[in-house]
């Protein structure tokens, strides 16, 4: 099920002209997925939307948080740039992507 924040993120990316894939599985056989990856995959940029930041969602507790860190660390070792957002700062994604273009 897509959260309201994921729907908003998709709209922001589309409006800015970015192509993306949802629920991209990046490390088989692990079941890890990114919420969004930008296409083409020439530069591996992933976007994670952490919508439960203020409601004590499952990612905010020790065991789940540790698993999230393992996922993000593995992705970065594999060469992914992982941008993470909460519902409060979704609109920063376009600014951040523009900054990445300059690097």
PDB file of N, CA and C in Angstrom:
ATOM      1  N   UNK A   1       0.837  -1.172   0.000  1.00  0.00           N
ATOM      2  CA  UNK A   1       0.000   0.000   0.000  1.00  0.00           C
ATOM      3  C   UNK A   1       0.893   1.251   0.000  1.00  0.00           C
ATOM      4  N   UNK A   2       0.555   2.207  -0.838  1.00  0.00           N
ATOM      5  CA  UNK A   2       1.316   3.442  -0.920  1.00  0.00           C
ATOM      6  C   UNK A   2       0.823   4.407   0.147  1.00  0.00           C
ATOM      7  N   UNK A   3       1.767   5.010   0.867  1.00  0.00           N
ATOM      8  CA  UNK A   3       1.396   6.005   1.860  1.00  0.00           C
ATOM      9  C   UNK A   3       1.113   7.333   1.168  1.00  0.00           C
ATOM     10  N   UNK A   4       0.471   8.225   1.883  1.00  0.00           N
ATOM     11  CA  UNK A   4       0.194   9.555   1.345  1.00  0.00           C
ATOM     12  C   UNK A   4       1.499  10.261   0.981  1.00  0.00           C
ATOM     13  N   UNK A   5       2.543  10.028   1.769  1.00  0.00           N
ATOM     14  CA  UNK A   5       3.825  10.675   1.492  1.00  0.00           C
ATOM     15  C   UNK A   5       4.479  10.102   0.237  1.00  0.00           C
ATOM     16  N   UNK A   6       4.314   8.827   0.004  1.00  0.00           N
ATOM     17  CA  UNK A   6       4.850   8.230  -1.224  1.00  0.00           C
ATOM     18  C   UNK A   6       4.104   8.755  -2.450  1.00  0.00           C
ATOM     19  N   UNK A   7       2.812   8.947  -2.313  1.00  0.00           N
ATOM     20  CA  UNK A   7       2.016   9.511  -3.404  1.00  0.00           C
ATOM     21  C   UNK A   7       2.482  10.944  -3.686  1.00  0.00           C
ATOM     22  N   UNK A   8       2.706  11.707  -2.623  1.00  0.00           N
ATOM     23  CA  UNK A   8       3.185  13.083  -2.788  1.00  0.00           C
ATOM     24  C   UNK A   8       4.577  13.111  -3.416  1.00  0.00           C
ATOM     25  N   UNK A   9       5.448  12.205  -2.996  1.00  0.00           N
ATOM     26  CA  UNK A   9       6.799  12.150  -3.564  1.00  0.00           C
ATOM     27  C   UNK A   9       6.729  11.839  -5.059  1.00  0.00           C
ATOM     28  N   UNK A  10       5.914  10.887  -5.433  1.00  0.00           N
ATOM     29  CA  UNK A  10       5.768  10.539  -6.849  1.00  0.00           C
ATOM     30  C   UNK A  10       5.304  11.757  -7.643  1.00  0.00           C
ATOM     31  N   UNK A  11       4.366  12.510  -7.099  1.00  0.00           N
ATOM     32  CA  UNK A  11       3.869  13.699  -7.784  1.00  0.00           C
ATOM     33  C   UNK A  11       4.962  14.752  -7.931  1.00  0.00           C
ATOM     34  N   UNK A  12       5.757  14.962  -6.889  1.00  0.00           N
ATOM     35  CA  UNK A  12       6.859  15.930  -6.953  1.00  0.00           C
ATOM     36  C   UNK A  12       7.868  15.544  -8.028  1.00  0.00           C
ATOM     37  N   UNK A  13       8.242  14.268  -8.063  1.00  0.00           N
ATOM     38  CA  UNK A  13       9.219  13.802  -9.046  1.00  0.00           C
ATOM     39  C   UNK A  13       8.677  13.930 -10.468  1.00  0.00           C
ATOM     40  N   UNK A  14       7.419  13.532 -10.666  1.00  0.00           N
ATOM     41  CA  UNK A  14       6.805  13.639 -12.001  1.00  0.00           C
ATOM     42  C   UNK A  14       6.748  15.091 -12.451  1.00  0.00           C
ATOM     43  N   UNK A  15       6.309  15.961 -11.558  1.00  0.00           N
ATOM     44  CA  UNK A  15       6.181  17.384 -11.887  1.00  0.00           C
ATOM     45  C   UNK A  15       7.525  17.991 -12.294  1.00  0.00           C
ATOM     46  N   UNK A  16       8.601  17.529 -11.670  1.00  0.00           N
ATOM     47  CA  UNK A  16       9.935  18.039 -11.982  1.00  0.00           C
ATOM     48  C   UNK A  16      10.562  17.333 -13.187  1.00  0.00           C
ATOM     49  N   UNK A  17       9.866  16.346 -13.737  1.00  0.00           N
ATOM     50  CA  UNK A  17      10.335  15.679 -14.944  1.00  0.00           C
ATOM     51  C   UNK A  17      11.282  14.517 -14.722  1.00  0.00           C
ATOM     52  N   UNK A  18      11.330  13.992 -13.507  1.00  0.00           N
ATOM     53  CA  UNK A  18      12.188  12.845 -13.219  1.00  0.00           C
ATOM     54  C   UNK A  18      11.458  11.542 -13.540  1.00  0.00           C
ATOM     55  N   UNK A  19      12.175  10.615 -14.148  1.00  0.00           N
ATOM     56  CA  UNK A  19      11.649   9.267 -14.354  1.00  0.00           C
ATOM     57  C   UNK A  19      12.096   8.416 -13.180  1.00  0.00           C
ATOM     58  N   UNK A  20      11.235   7.506 -12.760  1.00  0.00           N
ATOM     59  CA  UNK A  20      11.573   6.688 -11.593  1.00  0.00           C
ATOM     60  C   UNK A  20      10.860   5.356 -11.659  1.00  0.00           C
ATOM     61  N   UNK A  21      11.346   4.455 -10.825  1.00  0.00           N
ATOM     62  CA  UNK A  21      10.697   3.161 -10.621  1.00  0.00           C
ATOM     63  C   UNK A  21      10.387   3.051  -9.138  1.00  0.00           C
ATOM     64  N   UNK A  22       9.240   2.473  -8.824  1.00  0.00           N
ATOM     65  CA  UNK A  22       8.817   2.300  -7.428  1.00  0.00           C
ATOM     66  C   UNK A  22       9.197   0.909  -6.948  1.00  0.00           C
ATOM     67  N   UNK A  23       9.418   0.785  -5.648  1.00  0.00           N
ATOM     68  CA  UNK A  23       9.669  -0.510  -5.003  1.00  0.00           C
ATOM     69  C   UNK A  23      10.756  -1.308  -5.722  1.00  0.00           C
ATOM     70  N   UNK A  24      11.883  -0.677  -5.937  1.00  0.00           N
ATOM     71  CA  UNK A  24      12.990  -1.285  -6.679  1.00  0.00           C
ATOM     72  C   UNK A  24      13.805  -2.199  -5.764  1.00  0.00           C
ATOM     73  N   UNK A  25      13.912  -3.442  -6.142  1.00  0.00           N
ATOM     74  CA  UNK A  25      14.669  -4.438  -5.358  1.00  0.00           C
ATOM     75  C   UNK A  25      16.128  -4.361  -5.780  1.00  0.00           C
ATOM     76  N   UNK A  26      17.003  -3.940  -4.868  1.00  0.00           N
ATOM     77  CA  UNK A  26      18.373  -3.603  -5.246  1.00  0.00           C
ATOM     78  C   UNK A  26      19.438  -4.600  -4.819  1.00  0.00           C
ATOM     79  N   UNK A  27      19.114  -5.562  -3.987  1.00  0.00           N
ATOM     80  CA  UNK A  27      20.157  -6.460  -3.486  1.00  0.00           C
ATOM     81  C   UNK A  27      19.678  -7.898  -3.368  1.00  0.00           C
ATOM     82  N   UNK A  28      19.170  -8.483  -4.475  1.00  0.00           N
ATOM     83  CA  UNK A  28      18.755  -9.882  -4.377  1.00  0.00           C
ATOM     84  C   UNK A  28      19.919 -10.747  -3.910  1.00  0.00           C
ATOM     85  N   UNK A  29      19.711 -11.752  -3.135  1.00  0.00           N
ATOM     86  CA  UNK A  29      18.411 -12.347  -2.785  1.00  0.00           C
ATOM     87  C   UNK A  29      17.709 -11.663  -1.614  1.00  0.00           C
ATOM     88  N   UNK A  30      18.310 -10.605  -1.045  1.00  0.00           N
ATOM     89  CA  UNK A  30      17.614  -9.869   0.019  1.00  0.00           C
ATOM     90  C   UNK A  30      16.318  -9.305  -0.536  1.00  0.00           C
ATOM     91  N   UNK A  31      15.364  -9.104   0.315  1.00  0.00           N
ATOM     92  CA  UNK A  31      14.068  -8.578  -0.126  1.00  0.00           C
ATOM     93  C   UNK A  31      14.002  -7.049   0.002  1.00  0.00           C
ATOM     94  N   UNK A  32      15.148  -6.441   0.242  1.00  0.00           N
ATOM     95  CA  UNK A  32      15.172  -4.992   0.398  1.00  0.00           C
ATOM     96  C   UNK A  32      14.706  -4.293  -0.868  1.00  0.00           C
ATOM     97  N   UNK A  33      13.938  -3.244  -0.657  1.00  0.00           N
ATOM     98  CA  UNK A  33      13.463  -2.413  -1.766  1.00  0.00           C
ATOM     99  C   UNK A  33      13.653  -0.948  -1.396  1.00  0.00           C
ATOM    100  N   UNK A  34      13.881  -0.141  -2.421  1.00  0.00           N
ATOM    101  CA  UNK A  34      13.846   1.304  -2.252  1.00  0.00           C
ATOM    102  C   UNK A  34      12.451   1.776  -2.640  1.00  0.00           C
ATOM    103  N   UNK A  35      11.979   2.818  -1.996  1.00  0.00           N
ATOM    104  CA  UNK A  35      10.679   3.375  -2.364  1.00  0.00           C
ATOM    105  C   UNK A  35      10.709   3.883  -3.803  1.00  0.00           C
ATOM    106  N   UNK A  36      11.792   4.567  -4.170  1.00  0.00           N
ATOM    107  CA  UNK A  36      11.953   5.108  -5.519  1.00  0.00           C
ATOM    108  C   UNK A  36      13.408   4.980  -5.944  1.00  0.00           C
ATOM    109  N   UNK A  37      13.647   4.727  -7.214  1.00  0.00           N
ATOM    110  CA  UNK A  37      14.976   4.901  -7.816  1.00  0.00           C
ATOM    111  C   UNK A  37      14.782   5.741  -9.065  1.00  0.00           C
ATOM    112  N   UNK A  38      15.754   6.610  -9.316  1.00  0.00           N
ATOM    113  CA  UNK A  38      15.679   7.447 -10.501  1.00  0.00           C
ATOM    114  C   UNK A  38      16.243   6.690 -11.692  1.00  0.00           C
ATOM    115  N   UNK A  39      15.630   6.912 -12.831  1.00  0.00           N
ATOM    116  CA  UNK A  39      16.051   6.271 -14.071  1.00  0.00           C
ATOM    117  C   UNK A  39      16.642   7.322 -15.000  1.00  0.00           C
ATOM    118  N   UNK A  40      17.570   6.972 -15.845  1.00  0.00           N
ATOM    119  CA  UNK A  40      18.204   5.661 -15.945  1.00  0.00           C
ATOM    120  C   UNK A  40      19.151   5.443 -14.769  1.00  0.00           C
ATOM    121  N   UNK A  41      19.576   4.205 -14.590  1.00  0.00           N
ATOM    122  CA  UNK A  41      20.402   3.844 -13.439  1.00  0.00           C
ATOM    123  C   UNK A  41      21.892   4.126 -13.658  1.00  0.00           C
ATOM    124  N   UNK A  42      22.191   5.046 -14.554  1.00  0.00           N
ATOM    125  CA  UNK A  42      23.585   5.429 -14.821  1.00  0.00           C
ATOM    126  C   UNK A  42      24.245   5.891 -13.517  1.00  0.00           C
ATOM    127  N   UNK A  43      23.563   6.727 -12.769  1.00  0.00           N
ATOM    128  CA  UNK A  43      23.956   7.110 -11.420  1.00  0.00           C
ATOM    129  C   UNK A  43      22.890   6.519 -10.510  1.00  0.00           C
ATOM    130  N   UNK A  44      23.308   5.729  -9.542  1.00  0.00           N
ATOM    131  CA  UNK A  44      22.343   5.001  -8.714  1.00  0.00           C
ATOM    132  C   UNK A  44      21.851   5.901  -7.578  1.00  0.00           C
ATOM    133  N   UNK A  45      20.662   6.494  -7.785  1.00  0.00           N
ATOM    134  CA  UNK A  45      20.061   7.372  -6.782  1.00  0.00           C
ATOM    135  C   UNK A  45      18.753   6.754  -6.309  1.00  0.00           C
ATOM    136  N   UNK A  46      18.675   6.538  -5.002  1.00  0.00           N
ATOM    137  CA  UNK A  46      17.467   5.973  -4.387  1.00  0.00           C
ATOM    138  C   UNK A  46      16.853   7.006  -3.450  1.00  0.00           C
ATOM    139  N   UNK A  47      15.548   6.918  -3.313  1.00  0.00           N
ATOM    140  CA  UNK A  47      14.821   7.813  -2.410  1.00  0.00           C
ATOM    141  C   UNK A  47      13.959   6.960  -1.489  1.00  0.00           C
ATOM    142  N   UNK A  48      14.109   7.217  -0.200  1.00  0.00           N
ATOM    143  CA  UNK A  48      13.312   6.538   0.810  1.00  0.00           C
ATOM    144  C   UNK A  48      12.406   7.559   1.492  1.00  0.00           C
ATOM    145  N   UNK A  49      11.147   7.198   1.653  1.00  0.00           N
ATOM    146  CA  UNK A  49      10.177   8.048   2.326  1.00  0.00           C
ATOM    147  C   UNK A  49       9.845   7.396   3.661  1.00  0.00           C
ATOM    148  N   UNK A  50      10.244   8.046   4.739  1.00  0.00           N
ATOM    149  CA  UNK A  50      10.023   7.525   6.089  1.00  0.00           C
ATOM    150  C   UNK A  50       8.837   8.249   6.708  1.00  0.00           C
ATOM    151  N   UNK A  51       7.658   7.745   6.416  1.00  0.00           N
ATOM    152  CA  UNK A  51       6.437   8.443   6.794  1.00  0.00           C
ATOM    153  C   UNK A  51       6.047   8.334   8.252  1.00  0.00           C
ATOM    154  N   UNK A  52       6.577   7.371   8.989  1.00  0.00           N
ATOM    155  CA  UNK A  52       6.141   7.167  10.364  1.00  0.00           C
ATOM    156  C   UNK A  52       6.983   7.873  11.401  1.00  0.00           C
ATOM    157  N   UNK A  53       7.679   8.921  11.021  1.00  0.00           N
ATOM    158  CA  UNK A  53       8.600   9.586  11.944  1.00  0.00           C
ATOM    159  C   UNK A  53       7.913  10.154  13.178  1.00  0.00           C
ATOM    160  N   UNK A  54       6.697  10.625  13.031  1.00  0.00           N
ATOM    161  CA  UNK A  54       6.026  11.289  14.143  1.00  0.00           C
ATOM    162  C   UNK A  54       4.982  10.406  14.826  1.00  0.00           C
ATOM    163  N   UNK A  55       4.757   9.227  14.309  1.00  0.00           N
ATOM    164  CA  UNK A  55       3.729   8.365  14.903  1.00  0.00           C
ATOM    165  C   UNK A  55       4.329   7.106  15.522  1.00  0.00           C
ATOM    166  N   UNK A  56       5.637   7.126  15.717  1.00  0.00           N
ATOM    167  CA  UNK A  56       6.348   5.966  16.257  1.00  0.00           C
ATOM    168  C   UNK A  56       6.088   4.739  15.396  1.00  0.00           C
ATOM    169  N   UNK A  57       6.276   4.916  14.088  1.00  0.00           N
ATOM    170  CA  UNK A  57       6.127   3.817  13.147  1.00  0.00           C
ATOM    171  C   UNK A  57       7.171   2.746  13.392  1.00  0.00           C
ATOM    172  N   UNK A  58       7.043   1.621  12.708  1.00  0.00           N
ATOM    173  CA  UNK A  58       7.904   0.466  12.983  1.00  0.00           C
ATOM    174  C   UNK A  58       9.385   0.758  12.778  1.00  0.00           C
ATOM    175  N   UNK A  59       9.720   1.731  11.931  1.00  0.00           N
ATOM    176  CA  UNK A  59      11.124   2.029  11.656  1.00  0.00           C
ATOM    177  C   UNK A  59      11.776   2.853  12.761  1.00  0.00           C
ATOM    178  N   UNK A  60      11.020   3.245  13.760  1.00  0.00           N
ATOM    179  CA  UNK A  60      11.554   4.075  14.834  1.00  0.00           C
ATOM    180  C   UNK A  60      11.962   3.282  16.072  1.00  0.00           C
ATOM    181  N   UNK A  61      11.864   1.988  16.032  1.00  0.00           N
ATOM    182  CA  UNK A  61      12.211   1.174  17.184  1.00  0.00           C
ATOM    183  C   UNK A  61      13.515   0.436  16.935  1.00  0.00           C
ATOM    184  N   UNK A  62      14.218   0.107  18.021  1.00  0.00           N
ATOM    185  CA  UNK A  62      15.555  -0.468  17.968  1.00  0.00           C
ATOM    186  C   UNK A  62      15.798  -1.516  16.902  1.00  0.00           C
ATOM    187  N   UNK A  63      15.075  -2.612  16.923  1.00  0.00           N
ATOM    188  CA  UNK A  63      15.322  -3.710  16.003  1.00  0.00           C
ATOM    189  C   UNK A  63      15.076  -3.295  14.551  1.00  0.00           C
ATOM    190  N   UNK A  64      13.945  -2.649  14.291  1.00  0.00           N
ATOM    191  CA  UNK A  64      13.632  -2.220  12.925  1.00  0.00           C
ATOM    192  C   UNK A  64      14.575  -1.129  12.458  1.00  0.00           C
ATOM    193  N   UNK A  65      14.924  -0.230  13.348  1.00  0.00           N
ATOM    194  CA  UNK A  65      15.848   0.851  12.990  1.00  0.00           C
ATOM    195  C   UNK A  65      17.206   0.265  12.618  1.00  0.00           C
ATOM    196  N   UNK A  66      17.653  -0.720  13.380  1.00  0.00           N
ATOM    197  CA  UNK A  66      18.920  -1.387  13.071  1.00  0.00           C
ATOM    198  C   UNK A  66      18.887  -2.067  11.711  1.00  0.00           C
ATOM    199  N   UNK A  67      17.763  -2.679  11.371  1.00  0.00           N
ATOM    200  CA  UNK A  67      17.617  -3.316  10.059  1.00  0.00           C
ATOM    201  C   UNK A  67      17.639  -2.272   8.946  1.00  0.00           C
ATOM    202  N   UNK A  68      17.011  -1.117   9.187  1.00  0.00           N
ATOM    203  CA  UNK A  68      17.052  -0.039   8.200  1.00  0.00           C
ATOM    204  C   UNK A  68      18.483   0.453   7.983  1.00  0.00           C
ATOM    205  N   UNK A  69      19.236   0.564   9.066  1.00  0.00           N
ATOM    206  CA  UNK A  69      20.627   0.992   8.938  1.00  0.00           C
ATOM    207  C   UNK A  69      21.439  -0.018   8.137  1.00  0.00           C
ATOM    208  N   UNK A  70      21.208  -1.295   8.375  1.00  0.00           N
ATOM    209  CA  UNK A  70      21.909  -2.329   7.606  1.00  0.00           C
ATOM    210  C   UNK A  70      21.592  -2.189   6.120  1.00  0.00           C
ATOM    211  N   UNK A  71      20.326  -1.980   5.799  1.00  0.00           N
ATOM    212  CA  UNK A  71      19.903  -1.816   4.408  1.00  0.00           C
ATOM    213  C   UNK A  71      20.591  -0.607   3.769  1.00  0.00           C
ATOM    214  N   UNK A  72      20.544   0.535   4.439  1.00  0.00           N
ATOM    215  CA  UNK A  72      21.125   1.766   3.874  1.00  0.00           C
ATOM    216  C   UNK A  72      22.634   1.648   3.763  1.00  0.00           C
ATOM    217  N   UNK A  73      23.285   1.103   4.769  1.00  0.00           N
ATOM    218  CA  UNK A  73      24.743   0.935   4.711  1.00  0.00           C
ATOM    219  C   UNK A  73      25.151   0.003   3.576  1.00  0.00           C
ATOM    220  N   UNK A  74      24.428  -1.095   3.409  1.00  0.00           N
ATOM    221  CA  UNK A  74      24.729  -2.016   2.314  1.00  0.00           C
ATOM    222  C   UNK A  74      24.549  -1.322   0.974  1.00  0.00           C
ATOM    223  N   UNK A  75      23.482  -0.569   0.842  1.00  0.00           N
ATOM    224  CA  UNK A  75      23.229   0.155  -0.410  1.00  0.00           C
ATOM    225  C   UNK A  75      24.366   1.126  -0.718  1.00  0.00           C
ATOM    226  N   UNK A  76      24.816   1.840   0.283  1.00  0.00           N
ATOM    227  CA  UNK A  76      25.894   2.810   0.059  1.00  0.00           C
ATOM    228  C   UNK A  76      27.201   2.115  -0.306  1.00  0.00           C
ATOM    229  N   UNK A  77      27.472   0.991   0.306  1.00  0.00           N
ATOM    230  CA  UNK A  77      28.663   0.210  -0.054  1.00  0.00           C
ATOM    231  C   UNK A  77      28.558  -0.249  -1.503  1.00  0.00           C
ATOM    232  N   UNK A  78      27.334  -0.524  -1.963  1.00  0.00           N
ATOM    233  CA  UNK A  78      27.118  -0.949  -3.346  1.00  0.00           C
ATOM    234  C   UNK A  78      27.133   0.223  -4.336  1.00  0.00           C
ATOM    235  N   UNK A  79      27.339   1.429  -3.838  1.00  0.00           N
ATOM    236  CA  UNK A  79      27.436   2.587  -4.721  1.00  0.00           C
ATOM    237  C   UNK A  79      26.173   3.412  -4.891  1.00  0.00           C
ATOM    238  N   UNK A  80      25.158   3.157  -4.090  1.00  0.00           N
ATOM    239  CA  UNK A  80      23.925   3.921  -4.169  1.00  0.00           C
ATOM    240  C   UNK A  80      24.045   5.213  -3.379  1.00  0.00           C
ATOM    241  N   UNK A  81      23.460   6.270  -3.913  1.00  0.00           N
ATOM    242  CA  UNK A  81      23.221   7.503  -3.169  1.00  0.00           C
ATOM    243  C   UNK A  81      21.795   7.368  -2.655  1.00  0.00           C
ATOM    244  N   UNK A  82      21.632   7.397  -1.341  1.00  0.00           N
ATOM    245  CA  UNK A  82      20.317   7.184  -0.749  1.00  0.00           C
ATOM    246  C   UNK A  82      19.871   8.474  -0.070  1.00  0.00           C
ATOM    247  N   UNK A  83      18.808   9.067  -0.590  1.00  0.00           N
ATOM    248  CA  UNK A  83      18.216  10.258  -0.003  1.00  0.00           C
ATOM    249  C   UNK A  83      17.007   9.831   0.808  1.00  0.00           C
ATOM    250  N   UNK A  84      16.891  10.369   2.030  1.00  0.00           N
ATOM    251  CA  UNK A  84      15.803   9.964   2.911  1.00  0.00           C
ATOM    252  C   UNK A  84      14.998  11.178   3.343  1.00  0.00           C
ATOM    253  N   UNK A  85      13.680  11.013   3.367  1.00  0.00           N
ATOM    254  CA  UNK A  85      12.787  12.112   3.692  1.00  0.00           C
ATOM    255  C   UNK A  85      11.669  11.646   4.607  1.00  0.00           C
ATOM    256  N   UNK A  86      11.184  12.586   5.410  1.00  0.00           N
ATOM    257  CA  UNK A  86       9.967  12.375   6.182  1.00  0.00           C
ATOM    258  C   UNK A  86       8.863  13.169   5.503  1.00  0.00           C
ATOM    259  N   UNK A  87       7.660  13.045   5.987  1.00  0.00           N
ATOM    260  CA  UNK A  87       6.557  13.808   5.425  1.00  0.00           C
ATOM    261  C   UNK A  87       6.776  15.308   5.524  1.00  0.00           C
ATOM    262  N   UNK A  88       7.536  15.732   6.519  1.00  0.00           N
ATOM    263  CA  UNK A  88       7.776  17.161   6.731  1.00  0.00           C
ATOM    264  C   UNK A  88       8.731  17.785   5.721  1.00  0.00           C
ATOM    265  N   UNK A  89       9.607  16.994   5.127  1.00  0.00           N
ATOM    266  CA  UNK A  89      10.610  17.604   4.246  1.00  0.00           C
ATOM    267  C   UNK A  89      10.634  17.021   2.839  1.00  0.00           C
ATOM    268  N   UNK A  90       9.527  16.463   2.403  1.00  0.00           N
ATOM    269  CA  UNK A  90       9.455  15.890   1.053  1.00  0.00           C
ATOM    270  C   UNK A  90       9.854  16.885  -0.025  1.00  0.00           C
ATOM    271  N   UNK A  91       9.449  18.115   0.135  1.00  0.00           N
ATOM    272  CA  UNK A  91       9.676  19.103  -0.921  1.00  0.00           C
ATOM    273  C   UNK A  91      11.159  19.417  -1.110  1.00  0.00           C
ATOM    274  N   UNK A  92      12.006  19.011  -0.192  1.00  0.00           N
ATOM    275  CA  UNK A  92      13.449  19.218  -0.358  1.00  0.00           C
ATOM    276  C   UNK A  92      14.041  18.329  -1.442  1.00  0.00           C
ATOM    277  N   UNK A  93      13.324  17.313  -1.874  1.00  0.00           N
ATOM    278  CA  UNK A  93      13.887  16.339  -2.806  1.00  0.00           C
ATOM    279  C   UNK A  93      14.364  16.997  -4.094  1.00  0.00           C
ATOM    280  N   UNK A  94      13.622  17.919  -4.651  1.00  0.00           N
ATOM    281  CA  UNK A  94      13.997  18.528  -5.925  1.00  0.00           C
ATOM    282  C   UNK A  94      15.254  19.375  -5.743  1.00  0.00           C
ATOM    283  N   UNK A  95      15.309  20.147  -4.677  1.00  0.00           N
ATOM    284  CA  UNK A  95      16.509  20.940  -4.372  1.00  0.00           C
ATOM    285  C   UNK A  95      17.716  20.023  -4.215  1.00  0.00           C
ATOM    286  N   UNK A  96      17.543  18.935  -3.501  1.00  0.00           N
ATOM    287  CA  UNK A  96      18.649  17.994  -3.276  1.00  0.00           C
ATOM    288  C   UNK A  96      19.105  17.345  -4.579  1.00  0.00           C
ATOM    289  N   UNK A  97      18.169  16.988  -5.417  1.00  0.00           N
ATOM    290  CA  UNK A  97      18.526  16.372  -6.703  1.00  0.00           C
ATOM    291  C   UNK A  97      19.263  17.371  -7.602  1.00  0.00           C
ATOM    292  N   UNK A  98      18.871  18.620  -7.539  1.00  0.00           N
ATOM    293  CA  UNK A  98      19.571  19.650  -8.314  1.00  0.00           C
ATOM    294  C   UNK A  98      20.996  19.832  -7.789  1.00  0.00           C
ATOM    295  N   UNK A  99      21.174  19.772  -6.481  1.00  0.00           N
ATOM    296  CA  UNK A  99      22.520  19.857  -5.889  1.00  0.00           C
ATOM    297  C   UNK A  99      23.383  18.668  -6.348  1.00  0.00           C
ATOM    298  N   UNK A 100      22.782  17.493  -6.403  1.00  0.00           N
ATOM    299  CA  UNK A 100      23.516  16.308  -6.846  1.00  0.00           C
ATOM    300  C   UNK A 100      23.985  16.458  -8.287  1.00  0.00           C
ATOM    301  N   UNK A 101      23.180  17.094  -9.127  1.00  0.00           N
ATOM    302  CA  UNK A 101      23.571  17.298 -10.527  1.00  0.00           C
ATOM    303  C   UNK A 101      24.846  18.132 -10.634  1.00  0.00           C
ATOM    304  N   UNK A 102      25.061  18.990  -9.656  1.00  0.00           N
ATOM    305  CA  UNK A 102      26.229  19.881  -9.690  1.00  0.00           C
ATOM    306  C   UNK A 102      27.504  19.204  -9.216  1.00  0.00           C
ATOM    307  N   UNK A 103      27.382  18.031  -8.620  1.00  0.00           N
ATOM    308  CA  UNK A 103      28.589  17.346  -8.099  1.00  0.00           C
ATOM    309  C   UNK A 103      29.192  16.420  -9.105  1.00  0.00           C
TER     310      UNK A 103
END
